[in-house]
Amino acid sequence: MEDHARETEARAQSLCKSALERLELAEKRIETVERERREAINKLRDASKALEEAQSRIIAVEDRLTAAEFRAQAAETDAREAKQALALVEEAIRSRLLSASPKAGPHPLTDGFRASV
């Protein structure tokens, strides 16, 4: 009977030791998983921050592009208006030169040219 009690006690101690080892191993796995989870959360936060910064830069670039497009449109309009004004001035000069008759007397634009030739 004492042998049986000792064997039972030895088995009980062995089971307790085995259970304790499994518990310690499980706790280590839990610690590892929790650490990996914290690292993953930190990486996600960093990625989220980087994404927000990239979005801010994209918005700024889009704003600058829009402003540049408006300036280009304004410059095109100015150029078109200047070209039209130049065409009107050229036409006015042509009209005056063609309408000036040689009998009317010296023309200020053409007399200087003839004298220098």
C-alpha atoms as a PDB file:
ATOM      1  CA  MET A   1       0.000   0.000   0.000  1.00  0.00           C
ATOM      2  CA  GLU A   2       2.816   2.383   0.754  1.00  0.00           C
ATOM      3  CA  ASP A   3       4.302   1.549  -2.628  1.00  0.00           C
ATOM      4  CA  HIS A   4       0.991   2.284  -4.221  1.00  0.00           C
ATOM      5  CA  ALA A   5       0.759   5.612  -2.352  1.00  0.00           C
ATOM      6  CA  ARG A   6       4.303   6.519  -3.390  1.00  0.00           C
ATOM      7  CA  GLU A   7       3.573   5.639  -7.006  1.00  0.00           C
ATOM      8  CA  THR A   8       0.393   7.708  -6.907  1.00  0.00           C
ATOM      9  CA  GLU A   9       2.266  10.608  -5.339  1.00  0.00           C
ATOM     10  CA  ALA A  10       5.078  10.285  -7.920  1.00  0.00           C
ATOM     11  CA  ARG A  11       2.524  10.261 -10.766  1.00  0.00           C
ATOM     12  CA  ALA A  12       0.763  13.250  -9.232  1.00  0.00           C
ATOM     13  CA  GLN A  13       4.048  15.149  -8.941  1.00  0.00           C
ATOM     14  CA  SER A  14       4.960  14.186 -12.506  1.00  0.00           C
ATOM     15  CA  LEU A  15       1.550  15.369 -13.738  1.00  0.00           C
ATOM     16  CA  CYS A  16       1.911  18.621 -11.788  1.00  0.00           C
ATOM     17  CA  LYS A  17       5.425  19.155 -13.144  1.00  0.00           C
ATOM     18  CA  SER A  18       4.238  18.451 -16.694  1.00  0.00           C
ATOM     19  CA  ALA A  19       1.249  20.764 -16.265  1.00  0.00           C
ATOM     20  CA  LEU A  20       3.508  23.486 -14.870  1.00  0.00           C
ATOM     21  CA  GLU A  21       5.897  23.130 -17.827  1.00  0.00           C
ATOM     22  CA  ARG A  22       2.974  23.350 -20.283  1.00  0.00           C
ATOM     23  CA  LEU A  23       1.648  26.398 -18.410  1.00  0.00           C
ATOM     24  CA  GLU A  24       5.047  28.126 -18.554  1.00  0.00           C
ATOM     25  CA  LEU A  25       5.347  27.316 -22.264  1.00  0.00           C
ATOM     26  CA  ALA A  26       1.837  28.674 -22.881  1.00  0.00           C
ATOM     27  CA  GLU A  27       2.685  31.868 -20.951  1.00  0.00           C
ATOM     28  CA  LYS A  28       5.827  32.338 -23.074  1.00  0.00           C
ATOM     29  CA  ARG A  29       3.757  31.888 -26.238  1.00  0.00           C
ATOM     30  CA  ILE A  30       1.218  34.417 -24.948  1.00  0.00           C
ATOM     31  CA  GLU A  31       4.007  36.921 -24.205  1.00  0.00           C
ATOM     32  CA  THR A  32       5.455  36.379 -27.683  1.00  0.00           C
ATOM     33  CA  VAL A  33       2.075  36.840 -29.355  1.00  0.00           C
ATOM     34  CA  GLU A  34       1.341  39.971 -27.310  1.00  0.00           C
ATOM     35  CA  ARG A  35       4.742  41.435 -28.205  1.00  0.00           C
ATOM     36  CA  GLU A  36       4.157  40.665 -31.898  1.00  0.00           C
ATOM     37  CA  ARG A  37       0.692  42.207 -31.660  1.00  0.00           C
ATOM     38  CA  ARG A  38       2.136  45.421 -30.146  1.00  0.00           C
ATOM     39  CA  GLU A  39       4.779  45.520 -32.883  1.00  0.00           C
ATOM     40  CA  ALA A  40       2.102  45.049 -35.553  1.00  0.00           C
ATOM     41  CA  ILE A  41       0.011  47.852 -34.032  1.00  0.00           C
ATOM     42  CA  ASN A  42       3.044  50.158 -34.037  1.00  0.00           C
ATOM     43  CA  LYS A  43       3.780  49.297 -37.674  1.00  0.00           C
ATOM     44  CA  LEU A  44       0.164  49.991 -38.591  1.00  0.00           C
ATOM     45  CA  ARG A  45       0.313  53.349 -36.805  1.00  0.00           C
ATOM     46  CA  ASP A  46       3.510  54.224 -38.661  1.00  0.00           C
ATOM     47  CA  ALA A  47       1.979  53.171 -41.971  1.00  0.00           C
ATOM     48  CA  SER A  48      -1.168  55.171 -41.238  1.00  0.00           C
ATOM     49  CA  LYS A  49       0.906  58.261 -40.423  1.00  0.00           C
ATOM     50  CA  ALA A  50       2.946  57.836 -43.603  1.00  0.00           C
ATOM     51  CA  LEU A  51      -0.258  57.473 -45.621  1.00  0.00           C
ATOM     52  CA  GLU A  52      -1.700  60.653 -44.112  1.00  0.00           C
ATOM     53  CA  GLU A  53       1.501  62.547 -44.899  1.00  0.00           C
ATOM     54  CA  ALA A  54       1.478  61.244 -48.474  1.00  0.00           C
ATOM     55  CA  GLN A  55      -2.162  62.284 -48.870  1.00  0.00           C
ATOM     56  CA  SER A  56      -1.325  65.766 -47.574  1.00  0.00           C
ATOM     57  CA  ARG A  57       1.529  66.058 -50.063  1.00  0.00           C
ATOM     58  CA  ILE A  58      -0.733  64.878 -52.891  1.00  0.00           C
ATOM     59  CA  ILE A  59      -3.357  67.478 -51.969  1.00  0.00           C
ATOM     60  CA  ALA A  60      -0.692  70.215 -51.889  1.00  0.00           C
ATOM     61  CA  VAL A  61       0.622  69.160 -55.310  1.00  0.00           C
ATOM     62  CA  GLU A  62      -2.904  69.064 -56.724  1.00  0.00           C
ATOM     63  CA  ASP A  63      -3.529  72.580 -55.374  1.00  0.00           C
ATOM     64  CA  ARG A  64      -0.317  73.850 -56.969  1.00  0.00           C
ATOM     65  CA  LEU A  65      -1.258  72.143 -60.242  1.00  0.00           C
ATOM     66  CA  THR A  66      -4.687  73.758 -60.218  1.00  0.00           C
ATOM     67  CA  ALA A  67      -3.134  77.173 -59.566  1.00  0.00           C
ATOM     68  CA  ALA A  68      -0.648  76.616 -62.399  1.00  0.00           C
ATOM     69  CA  GLU A  69      -3.474  75.632 -64.757  1.00  0.00           C
ATOM     70  CA  PHE A  70      -5.355  78.841 -63.908  1.00  0.00           C
ATOM     71  CA  ARG A  71      -2.192  80.897 -64.491  1.00  0.00           C
ATOM     72  CA  ALA A  72      -1.649  79.134 -67.830  1.00  0.00           C
ATOM     73  CA  GLN A  73      -5.237  79.848 -68.890  1.00  0.00           C
ATOM     74  CA  ALA A  74      -4.821  83.507 -67.908  1.00  0.00           C
ATOM     75  CA  ALA A  75      -1.557  83.708 -69.840  1.00  0.00           C
ATOM     76  CA  GLU A  76      -3.206  82.144 -72.905  1.00  0.00           C
ATOM     77  CA  THR A  77      -6.023  84.681 -72.687  1.00  0.00           C
ATOM     78  CA  ASP A  78      -3.523  87.544 -72.349  1.00  0.00           C
ATOM     79  CA  ALA A  79      -1.532  86.231 -75.311  1.00  0.00           C
ATOM     80  CA  ARG A  80      -4.685  85.892 -77.432  1.00  0.00           C
ATOM     81  CA  GLU A  81      -5.742  89.451 -76.536  1.00  0.00           C
ATOM     82  CA  ALA A  82      -2.255  90.797 -77.272  1.00  0.00           C
ATOM     83  CA  LYS A  83      -2.247  89.010 -80.637  1.00  0.00           C
ATOM     84  CA  GLN A  84      -5.642  90.508 -81.488  1.00  0.00           C
ATOM     85  CA  ALA A  85      -4.464  93.984 -80.456  1.00  0.00           C
ATOM     86  CA  LEU A  86      -1.324  93.588 -82.563  1.00  0.00           C
ATOM     87  CA  ALA A  87      -3.422  92.506 -85.533  1.00  0.00           C
ATOM     88  CA  LEU A  88      -5.582  95.632 -85.102  1.00  0.00           C
ATOM     89  CA  VAL A  89      -2.508  97.865 -84.915  1.00  0.00           C
ATOM     90  CA  GLU A  90      -1.000  96.203 -88.011  1.00  0.00           C
ATOM     91  CA  GLU A  91      -4.273  96.626 -89.879  1.00  0.00           C
ATOM     92  CA  ALA A  92      -4.483 100.282 -88.859  1.00  0.00           C
ATOM     93  CA  ILE A  93      -0.920 100.884 -90.063  1.00  0.00           C
ATOM     94  CA  ARG A  94      -1.634  99.111 -93.361  1.00  0.00           C
ATOM     95  CA  SER A  95      -4.818 101.129 -93.839  1.00  0.00           C
ATOM     96  CA  ARG A  96      -2.990 104.395 -93.278  1.00  0.00           C
ATOM     97  CA  LEU A  97      -0.126 103.471 -95.556  1.00  0.00           C
ATOM     98  CA  LEU A  98      -2.443 102.286 -98.318  1.00  0.00           C
ATOM     99  CA  SER A  99      -4.857 105.197 -97.993  1.00  0.00           C
ATOM    100  CA  ALA A 100      -2.070 107.772 -98.084  1.00  0.00           C
ATOM    101  CA  SER A 101      -1.832 109.034-101.598  1.00  0.00           C
ATOM    102  CA  PRO A 102       1.419 110.315-103.118  1.00  0.00           C
ATOM    103  CA  LYS A 103      -0.400 113.550-104.024  1.00  0.00           C
ATOM    104  CA  ALA A 104      -1.282 114.224-100.398  1.00  0.00           C
ATOM    105  CA  GLY A 105       2.268 115.155 -99.549  1.00  0.00           C
ATOM    106  CA  PRO A 106       5.009 113.569 -97.573  1.00  0.00           C
ATOM    107  CA  HIS A 107       4.069 110.744 -95.260  1.00  0.00           C
ATOM    108  CA  PRO A 108       5.940 110.686 -91.939  1.00  0.00           C
ATOM    109  CA  LEU A 109       6.566 106.946 -92.044  1.00  0.00           C
ATOM    110  CA  THR A 110       7.594 106.655 -95.667  1.00  0.00           C
ATOM    111  CA  ASP A 111       9.554 109.919 -96.072  1.00  0.00           C
ATOM    112  CA  GLY A 112      12.186 108.900 -93.572  1.00  0.00           C
ATOM    113  CA  PHE A 113      12.522 105.583 -95.353  1.00  0.00           C
ATOM    114  CA  ARG A 114      12.915 107.169 -98.794  1.00  0.00           C
ATOM    115  CA  ALA A 115      15.430 109.655 -97.541  1.00  0.00           C
ATOM    116  CA  SER A 116      17.599 106.981 -96.015  1.00  0.00           C
ATOM    117  CA  VAL A 117      17.559 104.770 -99.136  1.00  0.00           C
END
